[in-house]
Amino acid sequence: MSSSSNYSNPPCAACKFLRRKCLPSCIFAPYFPPEEPIKFTTVHKVFGASNVSKLLNEIQPHQREDAVNSLAYEAEARLKDPVYGCVGAISVLQKQVIRLQKELDATNADLMRYTNYESGGGTGSGMFSPSYSSAWNSRISGDHNNGFDHDSGR
C-alpha cells in the first residue's frame, strides 16, 4: 500500500462535489479550495460545472480569481432572488441611498434654519415655535401630514 497516494492533497471542493479525482491540472482547484464547499455548490447550482470550466479556460489566468468571485456573488444573489439576482440588491441599495440623501438634505435645511434663528435673534417664530416643533416631530416619526388626518378631517 503506497502511503503517498493515500495521503495526497485533499480534492478541491469542485472535485469532491463532482466525485472525481482532483488532478494537479484541475482548473477548479485554485479557486474552490476544499474548505469552501458551499462556494462551489452555489456556483454549480446556478451556472453548472461545465459552463464554469469552459469560462475559466477561455479567460486569462490573472482574471480567473475575479471571475470566480463574481460568479460566486451572482450565484448567491440568484439563489436569494431568482429573477433579479444582484441587480435587485443594487436597486434596493440605490433606493436606500436616495432616501438617505433626502433625509440628509432635510436635516441640513433644519440645521440652516436653526443657525439662522440663532444668529438673527428671532423671537417666537424660530426653532422653538409650536409649528416648527410639530413639523420636526412629524419628520422624526415618519408622519408627514403634520398630525392632520386627511380621512377624518382632524
N, C-alpha and C. Protein backbone atom coordinates (compact mmCIF):
# COMPACT_ATOMS: atom_id res chain seq x y z
N MET A 1 0.84 -1.17 0.00
CA MET A 1 0.00 0.00 0.00
C MET A 1 0.89 1.23 0.00
N SER A 2 0.68 2.09 -0.94
CA SER A 2 1.51 3.29 -1.08
C SER A 2 0.91 4.41 -0.26
N SER A 3 1.68 4.93 0.69
CA SER A 3 1.17 5.98 1.56
C SER A 3 1.09 7.32 0.85
N SER A 4 1.89 7.53 -0.19
CA SER A 4 1.87 8.81 -0.90
C SER A 4 0.58 9.00 -1.68
N SER A 5 -0.01 7.93 -2.21
CA SER A 5 -1.25 8.08 -2.96
C SER A 5 -2.46 8.20 -2.02
N ASN A 6 -2.38 7.62 -0.84
CA ASN A 6 -3.50 7.70 0.09
C ASN A 6 -3.56 9.03 0.84
N TYR A 7 -2.42 9.70 1.00
CA TYR A 7 -2.38 10.91 1.81
C TYR A 7 -1.94 12.13 0.99
N SER A 8 -2.38 12.22 -0.25
CA SER A 8 -2.05 13.39 -1.06
C SER A 8 -2.96 14.55 -0.65
N ASN A 9 -2.83 15.66 -1.34
CA ASN A 9 -3.66 16.82 -1.03
C ASN A 9 -5.13 16.45 -1.17
N PRO A 10 -5.97 17.00 -0.32
CA PRO A 10 -7.40 16.70 -0.45
C PRO A 10 -7.94 17.30 -1.74
N PRO A 11 -8.98 16.69 -2.29
CA PRO A 11 -9.53 17.22 -3.54
C PRO A 11 -10.17 18.59 -3.31
N CYS A 12 -10.16 19.40 -4.35
CA CYS A 12 -10.80 20.71 -4.25
C CYS A 12 -12.30 20.51 -4.04
N ALA A 13 -12.99 21.58 -3.69
CA ALA A 13 -14.43 21.48 -3.42
C ALA A 13 -15.20 21.02 -4.65
N ALA A 14 -14.76 21.43 -5.83
CA ALA A 14 -15.45 21.04 -7.06
C ALA A 14 -15.31 19.54 -7.31
N CYS A 15 -14.08 19.05 -7.23
CA CYS A 15 -13.86 17.62 -7.48
C CYS A 15 -14.54 16.75 -6.43
N LYS A 16 -14.54 17.21 -5.19
CA LYS A 16 -15.21 16.46 -4.14
C LYS A 16 -16.71 16.41 -4.41
N PHE A 17 -17.29 17.55 -4.79
CA PHE A 17 -18.72 17.60 -5.09
C PHE A 17 -19.06 16.73 -6.30
N LEU A 18 -18.22 16.81 -7.33
CA LEU A 18 -18.46 16.07 -8.57
C LEU A 18 -17.99 14.61 -8.47
N ARG A 19 -17.39 14.26 -7.34
CA ARG A 19 -16.92 12.89 -7.06
C ARG A 19 -15.95 12.40 -8.12
N ARG A 20 -14.95 13.22 -8.34
CA ARG A 20 -13.91 12.82 -9.29
C ARG A 20 -12.54 13.10 -8.68
N LYS A 21 -11.54 12.49 -9.26
CA LYS A 21 -10.18 12.67 -8.77
C LYS A 21 -9.70 14.08 -9.13
N CYS A 22 -9.11 14.74 -8.17
CA CYS A 22 -8.60 16.10 -8.38
C CYS A 22 -7.15 16.01 -8.85
N LEU A 23 -6.95 16.28 -10.11
CA LEU A 23 -5.62 16.21 -10.71
C LEU A 23 -4.86 17.51 -10.46
N PRO A 24 -3.54 17.48 -10.55
CA PRO A 24 -2.76 18.72 -10.37
C PRO A 24 -3.14 19.81 -11.37
N SER A 25 -3.67 19.43 -12.52
CA SER A 25 -4.05 20.40 -13.54
C SER A 25 -5.51 20.86 -13.41
N CYS A 26 -6.17 20.52 -12.33
CA CYS A 26 -7.59 20.86 -12.14
C CYS A 26 -7.80 22.37 -12.24
N ILE A 27 -8.69 22.78 -13.12
CA ILE A 27 -8.98 24.20 -13.33
C ILE A 27 -9.69 24.81 -12.12
N PHE A 28 -10.40 23.99 -11.35
CA PHE A 28 -11.16 24.48 -10.21
C PHE A 28 -10.33 24.64 -8.94
N ALA A 29 -9.31 23.84 -8.77
CA ALA A 29 -8.57 23.75 -7.51
C ALA A 29 -8.10 25.10 -6.94
N PRO A 30 -7.53 26.00 -7.74
CA PRO A 30 -7.05 27.25 -7.14
C PRO A 30 -8.18 28.17 -6.63
N TYR A 31 -9.39 27.96 -7.13
CA TYR A 31 -10.48 28.91 -6.84
C TYR A 31 -11.57 28.33 -5.94
N PHE A 32 -11.60 27.02 -5.81
CA PHE A 32 -12.60 26.36 -4.96
C PHE A 32 -11.87 25.42 -3.99
N PRO A 33 -11.24 25.97 -2.97
CA PRO A 33 -10.47 25.13 -2.03
C PRO A 33 -11.40 24.19 -1.26
N PRO A 34 -10.85 23.10 -0.73
CA PRO A 34 -11.68 22.12 -0.03
C PRO A 34 -12.41 22.68 1.19
N GLU A 35 -11.88 23.74 1.79
CA GLU A 35 -12.54 24.29 2.98
C GLU A 35 -13.70 25.24 2.64
N GLU A 36 -13.99 25.43 1.34
CA GLU A 36 -15.10 26.28 0.92
C GLU A 36 -16.06 25.51 0.00
N PRO A 37 -16.66 24.43 0.48
CA PRO A 37 -17.50 23.63 -0.42
C PRO A 37 -18.78 24.34 -0.85
N ILE A 38 -19.31 25.22 -0.02
CA ILE A 38 -20.57 25.89 -0.36
C ILE A 38 -20.37 26.84 -1.54
N LYS A 39 -19.19 27.42 -1.64
CA LYS A 39 -18.90 28.34 -2.75
C LYS A 39 -19.10 27.61 -4.09
N PHE A 40 -18.51 26.42 -4.21
CA PHE A 40 -18.67 25.69 -5.47
C PHE A 40 -20.11 25.19 -5.65
N THR A 41 -20.70 24.69 -4.60
CA THR A 41 -22.06 24.17 -4.70
C THR A 41 -23.02 25.24 -5.22
N THR A 42 -22.88 26.45 -4.71
CA THR A 42 -23.74 27.56 -5.13
C THR A 42 -23.50 27.91 -6.60
N VAL A 43 -22.24 28.03 -6.98
CA VAL A 43 -21.91 28.35 -8.37
C VAL A 43 -22.40 27.24 -9.30
N HIS A 44 -22.23 26.00 -8.89
CA HIS A 44 -22.67 24.86 -9.71
C HIS A 44 -24.19 24.86 -9.90
N LYS A 45 -24.93 25.16 -8.84
CA LYS A 45 -26.40 25.16 -8.93
C LYS A 45 -26.89 26.17 -9.97
N VAL A 46 -26.25 27.32 -10.03
CA VAL A 46 -26.72 28.38 -10.91
C VAL A 46 -26.12 28.27 -12.32
N PHE A 47 -24.83 28.03 -12.42
CA PHE A 47 -24.16 28.09 -13.71
C PHE A 47 -23.77 26.73 -14.29
N GLY A 48 -23.61 25.73 -13.45
CA GLY A 48 -23.19 24.41 -13.91
C GLY A 48 -21.68 24.30 -14.00
N ALA A 49 -21.16 23.18 -13.60
CA ALA A 49 -19.71 22.96 -13.57
C ALA A 49 -19.10 23.05 -14.96
N SER A 50 -19.76 22.52 -15.95
CA SER A 50 -19.23 22.54 -17.31
C SER A 50 -19.09 23.97 -17.83
N ASN A 51 -20.10 24.78 -17.61
CA ASN A 51 -20.03 26.18 -18.05
C ASN A 51 -18.93 26.95 -17.33
N VAL A 52 -18.79 26.71 -16.04
CA VAL A 52 -17.75 27.40 -15.27
C VAL A 52 -16.37 26.95 -15.77
N SER A 53 -16.22 25.68 -16.02
CA SER A 53 -14.95 25.16 -16.53
C SER A 53 -14.61 25.80 -17.88
N LYS A 54 -15.58 25.87 -18.78
CA LYS A 54 -15.36 26.50 -20.09
C LYS A 54 -14.97 27.96 -19.92
N LEU A 55 -15.68 28.66 -19.06
CA LEU A 55 -15.40 30.08 -18.83
C LEU A 55 -13.97 30.27 -18.33
N LEU A 56 -13.59 29.50 -17.32
CA LEU A 56 -12.25 29.63 -16.75
C LEU A 56 -11.16 29.31 -17.76
N ASN A 57 -11.41 28.36 -18.64
CA ASN A 57 -10.42 28.01 -19.67
C ASN A 57 -10.31 29.09 -20.75
N GLU A 58 -11.36 29.87 -20.95
CA GLU A 58 -11.37 30.89 -22.00
C GLU A 58 -10.76 32.22 -21.57
N ILE A 59 -10.65 32.47 -20.29
CA ILE A 59 -10.13 33.76 -19.85
C ILE A 59 -8.69 33.63 -19.37
N GLN A 60 -8.02 34.76 -19.30
CA GLN A 60 -6.63 34.80 -18.88
C GLN A 60 -6.49 34.35 -17.43
N PRO A 61 -5.41 33.65 -17.10
CA PRO A 61 -5.23 33.17 -15.72
C PRO A 61 -5.30 34.27 -14.66
N HIS A 62 -4.81 35.47 -14.97
CA HIS A 62 -4.84 36.54 -13.96
C HIS A 62 -6.25 37.10 -13.74
N GLN A 63 -7.19 36.76 -14.60
CA GLN A 63 -8.57 37.22 -14.45
C GLN A 63 -9.48 36.18 -13.79
N ARG A 64 -8.99 34.99 -13.62
CA ARG A 64 -9.84 33.89 -13.16
C ARG A 64 -10.35 34.07 -11.74
N GLU A 65 -9.51 34.53 -10.85
CA GLU A 65 -9.96 34.69 -9.46
C GLU A 65 -11.10 35.70 -9.37
N ASP A 66 -10.98 36.82 -10.06
CA ASP A 66 -12.05 37.82 -10.07
C ASP A 66 -13.32 37.24 -10.70
N ALA A 67 -13.15 36.46 -11.76
CA ALA A 67 -14.31 35.85 -12.42
C ALA A 67 -15.03 34.89 -11.48
N VAL A 68 -14.27 34.07 -10.77
CA VAL A 68 -14.88 33.12 -9.83
C VAL A 68 -15.59 33.86 -8.69
N ASN A 69 -14.97 34.91 -8.18
CA ASN A 69 -15.61 35.69 -7.12
C ASN A 69 -16.90 36.34 -7.62
N SER A 70 -16.90 36.82 -8.85
CA SER A 70 -18.11 37.41 -9.43
C SER A 70 -19.19 36.35 -9.62
N LEU A 71 -18.79 35.17 -10.12
CA LEU A 71 -19.75 34.09 -10.29
C LEU A 71 -20.35 33.67 -8.95
N ALA A 72 -19.51 33.58 -7.93
CA ALA A 72 -20.00 33.19 -6.60
C ALA A 72 -20.98 34.22 -6.05
N TYR A 73 -20.66 35.50 -6.24
CA TYR A 73 -21.55 36.56 -5.75
C TYR A 73 -22.88 36.53 -6.49
N GLU A 74 -22.82 36.43 -7.81
CA GLU A 74 -24.05 36.38 -8.61
C GLU A 74 -24.86 35.13 -8.31
N ALA A 75 -24.19 33.99 -8.12
CA ALA A 75 -24.91 32.75 -7.82
C ALA A 75 -25.65 32.86 -6.50
N GLU A 76 -24.98 33.42 -5.50
CA GLU A 76 -25.62 33.59 -4.20
C GLU A 76 -26.82 34.54 -4.31
N ALA A 77 -26.65 35.61 -5.07
CA ALA A 77 -27.75 36.57 -5.25
C ALA A 77 -28.90 35.92 -6.03
N ARG A 78 -28.59 35.09 -7.02
CA ARG A 78 -29.64 34.42 -7.80
C ARG A 78 -30.43 33.43 -6.96
N LEU A 79 -29.77 32.78 -6.03
CA LEU A 79 -30.50 31.85 -5.17
C LEU A 79 -31.44 32.61 -4.24
N LYS A 80 -31.04 33.80 -3.80
CA LYS A 80 -31.90 34.62 -2.94
C LYS A 80 -33.02 35.29 -3.74
N ASP A 81 -32.70 35.75 -4.95
CA ASP A 81 -33.66 36.45 -5.80
C ASP A 81 -33.50 35.93 -7.23
N PRO A 82 -34.23 34.87 -7.58
CA PRO A 82 -34.03 34.22 -8.89
C PRO A 82 -34.31 35.12 -10.10
N VAL A 83 -35.14 36.13 -9.94
CA VAL A 83 -35.48 36.99 -11.07
C VAL A 83 -34.42 38.06 -11.31
N TYR A 84 -34.06 38.80 -10.27
CA TYR A 84 -33.18 39.94 -10.45
C TYR A 84 -31.73 39.70 -10.02
N GLY A 85 -31.48 38.72 -9.19
CA GLY A 85 -30.11 38.45 -8.75
C GLY A 85 -29.48 39.64 -8.06
N CYS A 86 -28.23 39.93 -8.39
CA CYS A 86 -27.54 41.03 -7.72
C CYS A 86 -28.08 42.38 -8.17
N VAL A 87 -28.72 42.45 -9.33
CA VAL A 87 -29.32 43.71 -9.78
C VAL A 87 -30.42 44.15 -8.82
N GLY A 88 -31.14 43.20 -8.27
CA GLY A 88 -32.17 43.52 -7.27
C GLY A 88 -31.55 44.13 -6.03
N ALA A 89 -30.44 43.58 -5.58
CA ALA A 89 -29.74 44.11 -4.41
C ALA A 89 -29.22 45.52 -4.69
N ILE A 90 -28.68 45.72 -5.88
CA ILE A 90 -28.18 47.05 -6.27
C ILE A 90 -29.33 48.05 -6.27
N SER A 91 -30.47 47.66 -6.79
CA SER A 91 -31.63 48.55 -6.85
C SER A 91 -32.10 48.95 -5.45
N VAL A 92 -32.14 47.99 -4.54
CA VAL A 92 -32.53 48.27 -3.16
C VAL A 92 -31.55 49.26 -2.53
N LEU A 93 -30.27 49.05 -2.76
CA LEU A 93 -29.26 49.95 -2.19
C LEU A 93 -29.34 51.35 -2.81
N GLN A 94 -29.62 51.44 -4.11
CA GLN A 94 -29.76 52.76 -4.74
C GLN A 94 -30.95 53.51 -4.15
N LYS A 95 -32.06 52.81 -3.93
CA LYS A 95 -33.23 53.46 -3.32
C LYS A 95 -32.91 53.92 -1.91
N GLN A 96 -32.14 53.12 -1.18
CA GLN A 96 -31.76 53.49 0.18
C GLN A 96 -30.87 54.73 0.16
N VAL A 97 -29.95 54.82 -0.79
CA VAL A 97 -29.08 55.99 -0.91
C VAL A 97 -29.92 57.24 -1.20
N ILE A 98 -30.88 57.12 -2.10
CA ILE A 98 -31.75 58.26 -2.42
C ILE A 98 -32.53 58.71 -1.19
N ARG A 99 -33.11 57.74 -0.46
CA ARG A 99 -33.87 58.07 0.75
C ARG A 99 -32.98 58.75 1.79
N LEU A 100 -31.79 58.22 1.98
CA LEU A 100 -30.88 58.80 2.97
C LEU A 100 -30.39 60.18 2.53
N GLN A 101 -30.21 60.39 1.22
CA GLN A 101 -29.81 61.72 0.74
C GLN A 101 -30.90 62.74 1.00
N LYS A 102 -32.16 62.34 0.80
CA LYS A 102 -33.27 63.25 1.10
C LYS A 102 -33.33 63.56 2.59
N GLU A 103 -33.10 62.56 3.41
CA GLU A 103 -33.09 62.77 4.85
C GLU A 103 -31.95 63.70 5.26
N LEU A 104 -30.79 63.52 4.65
CA LEU A 104 -29.65 64.39 4.93
C LEU A 104 -29.94 65.83 4.49
N ASP A 105 -30.55 65.98 3.32
CA ASP A 105 -30.90 67.32 2.83
C ASP A 105 -31.88 68.00 3.79
N ALA A 106 -32.89 67.25 4.26
CA ALA A 106 -33.86 67.83 5.20
C ALA A 106 -33.19 68.21 6.52
N THR A 107 -32.29 67.38 6.99
CA THR A 107 -31.57 67.68 8.23
C THR A 107 -30.68 68.90 8.06
N ASN A 108 -30.01 69.01 6.91
CA ASN A 108 -29.19 70.19 6.65
C ASN A 108 -30.04 71.45 6.57
N ALA A 109 -31.23 71.36 5.98
CA ALA A 109 -32.14 72.50 5.92
C ALA A 109 -32.57 72.91 7.32
N ASP A 110 -32.87 71.93 8.17
CA ASP A 110 -33.23 72.23 9.56
C ASP A 110 -32.07 72.89 10.28
N LEU A 111 -30.88 72.41 10.04
CA LEU A 111 -29.68 72.99 10.66
C LEU A 111 -29.49 74.44 10.21
N MET A 112 -29.72 74.69 8.93
CA MET A 112 -29.61 76.07 8.42
C MET A 112 -30.66 76.97 9.07
N ARG A 113 -31.90 76.47 9.22
CA ARG A 113 -32.94 77.27 9.88
C ARG A 113 -32.55 77.56 11.33
N TYR A 114 -32.01 76.56 12.00
CA TYR A 114 -31.59 76.75 13.38
C TYR A 114 -30.45 77.77 13.46
N THR A 115 -29.48 77.65 12.55
CA THR A 115 -28.35 78.59 12.53
C THR A 115 -28.85 80.00 12.26
N ASN A 116 -29.78 80.17 11.33
CA ASN A 116 -30.34 81.49 11.02
C ASN A 116 -31.13 82.03 12.20
N TYR A 117 -31.83 81.17 12.92
CA TYR A 117 -32.60 81.61 14.08
C TYR A 117 -31.66 82.12 15.16
N GLU A 118 -30.61 81.36 15.42
CA GLU A 118 -29.65 81.73 16.47
C GLU A 118 -28.95 83.04 16.12
N SER A 119 -28.55 83.22 14.89
CA SER A 119 -27.80 84.43 14.53
C SER A 119 -28.71 85.63 14.33
N GLY A 120 -30.01 85.39 14.01
CA GLY A 120 -30.94 86.50 13.77
C GLY A 120 -31.62 87.00 15.01
N GLY A 121 -31.54 86.25 16.08
CA GLY A 121 -32.16 86.67 17.33
C GLY A 121 -33.67 86.70 17.26
N GLY A 122 -34.26 85.84 16.44
CA GLY A 122 -35.72 85.82 16.30
C GLY A 122 -36.40 85.40 17.59
N THR A 123 -37.63 85.89 17.78
CA THR A 123 -38.39 85.51 18.97
C THR A 123 -39.73 84.95 18.56
N GLY A 124 -40.05 83.79 19.03
CA GLY A 124 -41.38 83.23 18.85
C GLY A 124 -41.63 82.57 17.52
N SER A 125 -40.87 82.82 16.50
CA SER A 125 -41.18 82.21 15.21
C SER A 125 -40.05 81.31 14.72
N GLY A 126 -39.12 81.00 15.59
CA GLY A 126 -37.96 80.22 15.16
C GLY A 126 -38.08 78.75 15.51
N MET A 127 -36.97 78.20 15.86
CA MET A 127 -36.83 76.77 16.08
C MET A 127 -37.77 76.24 17.14
N PHE A 128 -38.06 77.03 18.15
CA PHE A 128 -38.82 76.50 19.27
C PHE A 128 -40.29 76.91 19.23
N SER A 129 -40.77 77.36 18.10
CA SER A 129 -42.19 77.69 18.00
C SER A 129 -42.97 76.39 17.85
N PRO A 130 -44.25 76.38 18.22
CA PRO A 130 -45.05 75.15 18.15
C PRO A 130 -45.14 74.58 16.73
N SER A 131 -45.27 75.42 15.71
CA SER A 131 -45.40 74.90 14.34
C SER A 131 -44.11 74.22 13.90
N TYR A 132 -42.97 74.81 14.25
CA TYR A 132 -41.69 74.20 13.89
C TYR A 132 -41.52 72.88 14.62
N SER A 133 -41.88 72.85 15.89
CA SER A 133 -41.74 71.66 16.70
C SER A 133 -42.59 70.52 16.15
N SER A 134 -43.82 70.80 15.76
CA SER A 134 -44.68 69.73 15.25
C SER A 134 -44.18 69.23 13.90
N ALA A 135 -43.63 70.13 13.09
CA ALA A 135 -43.07 69.69 11.81
C ALA A 135 -41.86 68.79 12.06
N TRP A 136 -41.04 69.16 13.02
CA TRP A 136 -39.87 68.35 13.37
C TRP A 136 -40.31 66.98 13.87
N ASN A 137 -41.29 66.95 14.77
CA ASN A 137 -41.75 65.68 15.33
C ASN A 137 -42.36 64.79 14.26
N SER A 138 -43.08 65.37 13.30
CA SER A 138 -43.67 64.55 12.25
C SER A 138 -42.59 63.98 11.35
N ARG A 139 -41.50 64.71 11.11
CA ARG A 139 -40.41 64.19 10.28
C ARG A 139 -39.75 63.01 10.97
N ILE A 140 -39.55 63.12 12.28
CA ILE A 140 -38.90 62.04 13.03
C ILE A 140 -39.79 60.82 13.08
N SER A 141 -41.08 61.01 13.31
CA SER A 141 -41.98 59.87 13.44
C SER A 141 -42.39 59.28 12.09
N GLY A 142 -42.09 59.98 11.01
CA GLY A 142 -42.49 59.49 9.70
C GLY A 142 -43.89 59.92 9.33
N ASP A 143 -44.57 60.69 10.17
CA ASP A 143 -45.90 61.18 9.90
C ASP A 143 -45.77 62.50 9.14
N HIS A 144 -45.95 62.43 7.83
CA HIS A 144 -45.71 63.61 7.01
C HIS A 144 -46.96 64.47 6.81
N ASN A 145 -48.04 64.17 7.51
CA ASN A 145 -49.22 65.00 7.38
C ASN A 145 -49.36 65.99 8.53
N ASN A 146 -48.29 66.15 9.32
CA ASN A 146 -48.24 67.11 10.42
C ASN A 146 -49.39 66.96 11.39
N GLY A 147 -49.79 65.72 11.66
CA GLY A 147 -50.83 65.47 12.66
C GLY A 147 -52.23 65.62 12.11
N PHE A 148 -52.42 66.00 10.87
CA PHE A 148 -53.74 66.17 10.28
C PHE A 148 -54.15 64.87 9.62
N ASP A 149 -55.27 64.31 10.05
CA ASP A 149 -55.78 63.07 9.48
C ASP A 149 -56.67 63.45 8.30
N HIS A 150 -56.18 63.23 7.08
CA HIS A 150 -56.92 63.65 5.89
C HIS A 150 -58.23 62.87 5.74
N ASP A 151 -58.30 61.65 6.22
CA ASP A 151 -59.52 60.85 6.07
C ASP A 151 -60.63 61.33 6.98
N SER A 152 -60.30 61.71 8.23
CA SER A 152 -61.34 62.11 9.16
C SER A 152 -61.50 63.62 9.21
N GLY A 153 -60.57 64.39 8.62
CA GLY A 153 -60.66 65.84 8.65
C GLY A 153 -60.16 66.44 9.95
N ARG A 154 -59.51 65.63 10.80
CA ARG A 154 -58.97 66.14 12.07
C ARG A 154 -57.48 66.18 12.04
